[in-house]
Amino acid sequence: MSPRERRCIVLFDLDGTLVESALGSPSAGLLAMNEAAFRLTGAQNLGDPKEFAGRTDVQIARMLLDAGSFPFPRHNAVEELVGVYVKELERYIRERPYAALGAPRDAVSALERAGAIVGLGTGNVPRGAALKLASAQLLDVFDLALGGYGDDGDARSEVLARGVERCDPSGALPVVIVGDTPRDIEAAHAIGASCVGVPFKNNTAEVLRNAGADIVVSAVDGGMAQTVSRLLGLPSQRG
């Protein structure tokens, strides 16, 4: 499909939207982040994992350093922790792999046929996102150049805005964010985008509706193209 036929941008959150830990909690990501924090602070089990949902890796790293009373200032401490986290994630993910939620492959295929530019809008740093997607057999589904990541900005809205810019530098296309947390919804609306909520664990359909999700679906699947078209008021795409 030529660029002229592109009709919208759809950015997907990763954890809790596209993938989950195949073996349940604790996930490889949580174990790796805690290990990285321990390496730098000497303290274990810092922070509340429930507070990590919807935050970026950089935000989580800063929270853990604060909780561990890390001796700031040290200008590269956050970057150092994230770097250790990625190395630990490579190790832990072999033991605790990720699995796809719903049918992301069908969703992306349907969206692209309908004229969407599809990317990621995730709090993961790029290498972490790639590791999790590969673990869930989804790495080939996404063009990682099209998306916003946890090191693109301090706020999640900045991450999404950068992802939109990479997908459409002109800024002309409507944008839909797909995510599982109230923070996804807040960030989507902050950049003028619509948001599809996908319930996951404590973030139930009711929680997401109350947080302002424009539409709530049960899972990411082949029906996502119709959901996005309906949300944006676009006519159904033939074929």
Protein backbone atom coordinates (compact mmCIF):
# COMPACT_ATOMS: atom_id res chain seq x y z
CA MET A 1 0.00 0.00 0.00
CA SER A 2 1.43 3.38 -0.98
CA PRO A 3 1.93 6.19 1.57
CA ARG A 4 -1.01 8.07 0.02
CA GLU A 5 -3.34 5.27 1.04
CA ARG A 6 -2.28 5.27 4.67
CA ARG A 7 -5.25 6.26 6.81
CA CYS A 8 -4.10 6.22 10.43
CA ILE A 9 -1.40 5.28 12.92
CA VAL A 10 -1.87 2.56 15.52
CA LEU A 11 0.71 2.21 18.29
CA PHE A 12 0.63 -0.80 20.61
CA ASP A 13 1.79 -0.99 24.18
CA LEU A 14 3.78 -4.18 24.85
CA ASP A 15 3.51 -5.67 28.35
CA GLY A 16 -0.05 -6.64 29.23
CA THR A 17 -1.27 -5.71 25.77
CA LEU A 18 0.73 -7.83 23.33
CA VAL A 19 2.71 -10.11 25.65
CA GLU A 20 2.73 -11.53 29.15
CA SER A 21 5.05 -13.73 31.16
CA ALA A 22 4.35 -17.31 30.07
CA LEU A 23 5.07 -18.61 33.57
CA GLY A 24 3.26 -15.88 35.48
CA SER A 25 4.73 -13.62 38.11
CA PRO A 26 7.51 -12.74 38.62
CA SER A 27 8.25 -12.02 34.99
CA ALA A 28 11.70 -12.00 33.47
CA GLY A 29 11.43 -8.22 33.21
CA LEU A 30 10.66 -7.77 36.90
CA LEU A 31 13.43 -10.14 37.96
CA ALA A 32 15.91 -8.40 35.67
CA MET A 33 14.96 -4.92 36.89
CA ASN A 34 15.22 -5.97 40.54
CA GLU A 35 18.61 -7.58 39.88
CA ALA A 36 19.85 -4.43 38.18
CA ALA A 37 18.67 -2.30 41.10
CA PHE A 38 20.40 -4.62 43.56
CA ARG A 39 23.65 -4.36 41.61
CA LEU A 40 23.66 -0.58 41.96
CA THR A 41 22.06 -0.05 45.39
CA GLY A 42 22.71 -3.25 47.31
CA ALA A 43 19.02 -3.37 48.24
CA GLN A 44 16.51 -6.00 47.12
CA ASN A 45 12.80 -5.94 46.23
CA LEU A 46 12.59 -2.19 45.91
CA GLY A 47 9.31 -0.57 44.92
CA ASP A 48 5.85 -1.96 44.30
CA PRO A 49 5.56 -3.88 40.99
CA LYS A 50 1.95 -2.69 40.69
CA GLU A 51 3.30 0.84 40.36
CA PHE A 52 5.49 -0.18 37.42
CA ALA A 53 2.53 -0.84 35.10
CA GLY A 54 2.31 1.80 32.39
CA ARG A 55 5.64 3.40 33.33
CA THR A 56 8.76 3.52 31.19
CA ASP A 57 11.93 1.57 31.95
CA VAL A 58 13.65 4.88 32.64
CA GLN A 59 10.95 5.94 35.09
CA ILE A 60 11.13 2.58 36.87
CA ALA A 61 14.91 2.78 37.08
CA ARG A 62 14.69 6.20 38.67
CA MET A 63 12.04 4.98 41.14
CA LEU A 64 14.23 2.04 42.17
CA LEU A 65 17.31 4.21 42.62
CA ASP A 66 15.31 6.62 44.78
CA ALA A 67 13.88 3.75 46.84
CA GLY A 68 17.36 2.31 47.31
CA SER A 69 18.73 5.65 48.54
CA PHE A 70 21.25 5.71 45.73
CA PRO A 71 23.85 8.46 46.29
CA PHE A 72 22.78 10.99 43.69
CA PRO A 73 23.94 12.96 41.80
CA ARG A 74 25.47 10.50 39.38
CA HIS A 75 24.43 11.63 35.95
CA ASN A 76 24.53 8.24 34.27
CA ALA A 77 23.03 6.15 37.09
CA VAL A 78 19.68 5.66 35.40
CA GLU A 79 21.30 4.74 32.09
CA GLU A 80 23.64 2.35 33.93
CA LEU A 81 20.76 0.61 35.69
CA VAL A 82 18.82 0.24 32.43
CA GLY A 83 21.90 -1.17 30.74
CA VAL A 84 22.33 -3.78 33.47
CA TYR A 85 18.61 -4.54 33.26
CA VAL A 86 18.81 -5.33 29.55
CA LYS A 87 21.75 -7.70 30.09
CA GLU A 88 19.90 -9.45 32.92
CA LEU A 89 16.73 -9.63 30.83
CA GLU A 90 18.63 -11.57 28.17
CA ARG A 91 19.52 -14.10 30.85
CA TYR A 92 16.19 -14.33 32.68
CA ILE A 93 14.07 -14.47 29.54
CA ARG A 94 15.58 -17.82 28.58
CA GLU A 95 14.18 -19.29 31.80
CA ARG A 96 10.95 -17.30 31.95
CA PRO A 97 9.80 -16.63 28.37
CA TYR A 98 7.00 -14.37 27.23
CA ALA A 99 3.86 -15.43 25.39
CA ALA A 100 1.54 -13.55 23.04
CA LEU A 101 -1.73 -12.19 24.40
CA GLY A 102 -4.66 -12.62 22.04
CA ALA A 103 -3.66 -12.71 18.38
CA PRO A 104 -1.28 -9.80 17.68
CA ARG A 105 -0.16 -11.25 14.36
CA ASP A 106 -3.75 -11.26 13.07
CA ALA A 107 -4.35 -7.76 14.44
CA VAL A 108 -1.32 -6.21 12.76
CA SER A 109 -2.02 -7.97 9.47
CA ALA A 110 -5.63 -6.75 9.44
CA LEU A 111 -4.64 -3.20 10.38
CA GLU A 112 -2.00 -2.96 7.68
CA ARG A 113 -4.43 -4.26 5.06
CA ALA A 114 -6.87 -1.59 6.20
CA GLY A 115 -4.30 1.16 5.68
CA ALA A 116 -2.82 1.64 9.15
CA ILE A 117 0.80 2.36 9.91
CA VAL A 118 1.44 0.04 12.85
CA GLY A 119 4.13 0.55 15.46
CA LEU A 120 4.92 0.28 19.15
CA GLY A 121 4.30 2.80 21.89
CA THR A 122 5.97 1.13 24.86
CA GLY A 123 7.82 1.98 28.02
CA ASN A 124 10.40 -0.65 27.17
CA VAL A 125 13.74 0.48 25.81
CA PRO A 126 14.27 -0.81 22.25
CA ARG A 127 16.48 -3.79 23.14
CA GLY A 128 14.11 -4.88 25.90
CA ALA A 129 11.14 -4.64 23.54
CA ALA A 130 12.97 -6.73 20.93
CA LEU A 131 13.86 -9.40 23.48
CA LYS A 132 10.28 -9.72 24.70
CA LEU A 133 8.81 -9.79 21.19
CA ALA A 134 11.33 -12.42 20.10
CA SER A 135 10.56 -14.53 23.15
CA ALA A 136 6.85 -14.45 22.24
CA GLN A 137 7.57 -15.23 18.56
CA LEU A 138 6.39 -11.79 17.49
CA LEU A 139 9.60 -10.00 16.50
CA ASP A 140 8.88 -10.31 12.78
CA VAL A 141 5.43 -8.73 13.20
CA PHE A 142 6.67 -5.22 13.99
CA ASP A 143 9.03 -2.80 12.30
CA LEU A 144 10.97 -1.61 15.35
CA ALA A 145 11.92 1.59 13.55
CA LEU A 146 8.26 2.60 13.82
CA GLY A 147 7.60 3.34 17.43
CA GLY A 148 8.31 5.17 20.64
CA TYR A 149 10.34 3.64 23.46
CA GLY A 150 11.11 4.14 27.11
CA ASP A 151 14.28 6.10 26.44
CA ASP A 152 12.55 8.59 24.12
CA GLY A 153 11.27 10.80 26.91
CA ASP A 154 10.63 11.00 30.62
CA ALA A 155 6.84 11.05 30.29
CA ARG A 156 4.87 8.36 28.51
CA SER A 157 3.19 11.02 26.39
CA GLU A 158 6.63 11.99 25.07
CA VAL A 159 7.29 8.35 24.18
CA LEU A 160 4.05 8.17 22.22
CA ALA A 161 4.64 11.49 20.50
CA ARG A 162 8.05 10.29 19.32
CA GLY A 163 6.52 7.08 18.04
CA VAL A 164 3.92 9.01 16.08
CA GLU A 165 6.61 11.23 14.60
CA ARG A 166 8.58 8.20 13.42
CA CYS A 167 5.49 6.74 11.78
CA ASP A 168 4.28 9.97 10.18
CA PRO A 169 6.65 12.97 10.23
CA SER A 170 3.93 15.09 8.64
CA GLY A 171 1.67 14.70 11.65
CA ALA A 172 -1.34 14.51 9.36
CA LEU A 173 -2.78 11.11 10.26
CA PRO A 174 -5.13 10.33 13.16
CA VAL A 175 -3.60 8.23 15.92
CA VAL A 176 -4.89 5.35 18.02
CA ILE A 177 -3.04 3.98 21.03
CA VAL A 178 -3.75 0.44 22.23
CA GLY A 179 -2.87 -0.27 25.86
CA ASP A 180 -3.86 -1.97 29.09
CA THR A 181 -3.37 0.68 31.76
CA PRO A 182 -4.87 4.03 32.74
CA ARG A 183 -1.45 5.55 32.09
CA ASP A 184 -1.70 4.46 28.44
CA ILE A 185 -5.06 6.20 28.21
CA GLU A 186 -3.86 9.38 29.89
CA ALA A 187 -0.79 9.58 27.65
CA ALA A 188 -2.84 8.90 24.51
CA HIS A 189 -5.25 11.71 25.26
CA ALA A 190 -2.36 14.01 26.18
CA ILE A 191 -1.11 13.82 22.59
CA GLY A 192 -4.59 14.12 21.08
CA ALA A 193 -4.89 10.42 20.23
CA SER A 194 -7.74 7.99 20.81
CA CYS A 195 -7.18 4.96 23.01
CA VAL A 196 -8.35 1.35 22.81
CA GLY A 197 -8.23 -0.27 26.23
CA VAL A 198 -7.35 -3.94 26.59
CA PRO A 199 -8.09 -5.38 30.05
CA PHE A 200 -5.22 -7.14 31.83
CA LYS A 201 -5.16 -8.36 35.42
CA ASN A 202 -6.23 -5.57 37.81
CA ASN A 203 -6.91 -3.18 34.95
CA THR A 204 -10.36 -4.52 34.19
CA ALA A 205 -12.70 -3.25 31.50
CA GLU A 206 -14.44 -1.14 34.13
CA VAL A 207 -11.16 0.38 35.29
CA LEU A 208 -10.20 1.26 31.73
CA ARG A 209 -13.61 2.75 30.91
CA ASN A 210 -13.50 4.83 34.09
CA ALA A 211 -10.02 6.01 33.08
CA GLY A 212 -11.45 7.33 29.82
CA ALA A 213 -10.71 4.64 27.24
CA ASP A 214 -12.55 5.47 24.03
CA ILE A 215 -13.26 1.79 23.34
CA VAL A 216 -12.51 -1.32 25.38
CA VAL A 217 -11.94 -4.67 23.65
CA SER A 218 -11.39 -8.07 25.20
CA ALA A 219 -8.09 -8.76 23.42
CA VAL A 220 -5.82 -7.73 20.57
CA ASP A 221 -7.01 -9.80 17.62
CA GLY A 222 -8.08 -9.68 13.98
CA GLY A 223 -11.04 -7.48 14.84
CA MET A 224 -8.75 -4.56 15.74
CA ALA A 225 -8.98 -3.05 12.25
CA GLN A 226 -12.77 -2.79 12.50
CA THR A 227 -12.46 -1.35 16.01
CA VAL A 228 -10.05 1.34 14.87
CA SER A 229 -12.14 2.21 11.79
CA ARG A 230 -15.23 2.55 13.94
CA LEU A 231 -13.39 4.64 16.54
CA LEU A 232 -12.03 7.06 13.94
CA GLY A 233 -15.16 7.11 11.80
CA LEU A 234 -13.31 5.69 8.81
CA PRO A 235 -15.17 3.79 6.10
CA SER A 236 -14.53 0.05 5.95
CA GLN A 237 -11.56 -0.77 3.74
CA ARG A 238 -12.30 -3.15 0.91
CA GLY A 239 -10.42 -6.44 0.83
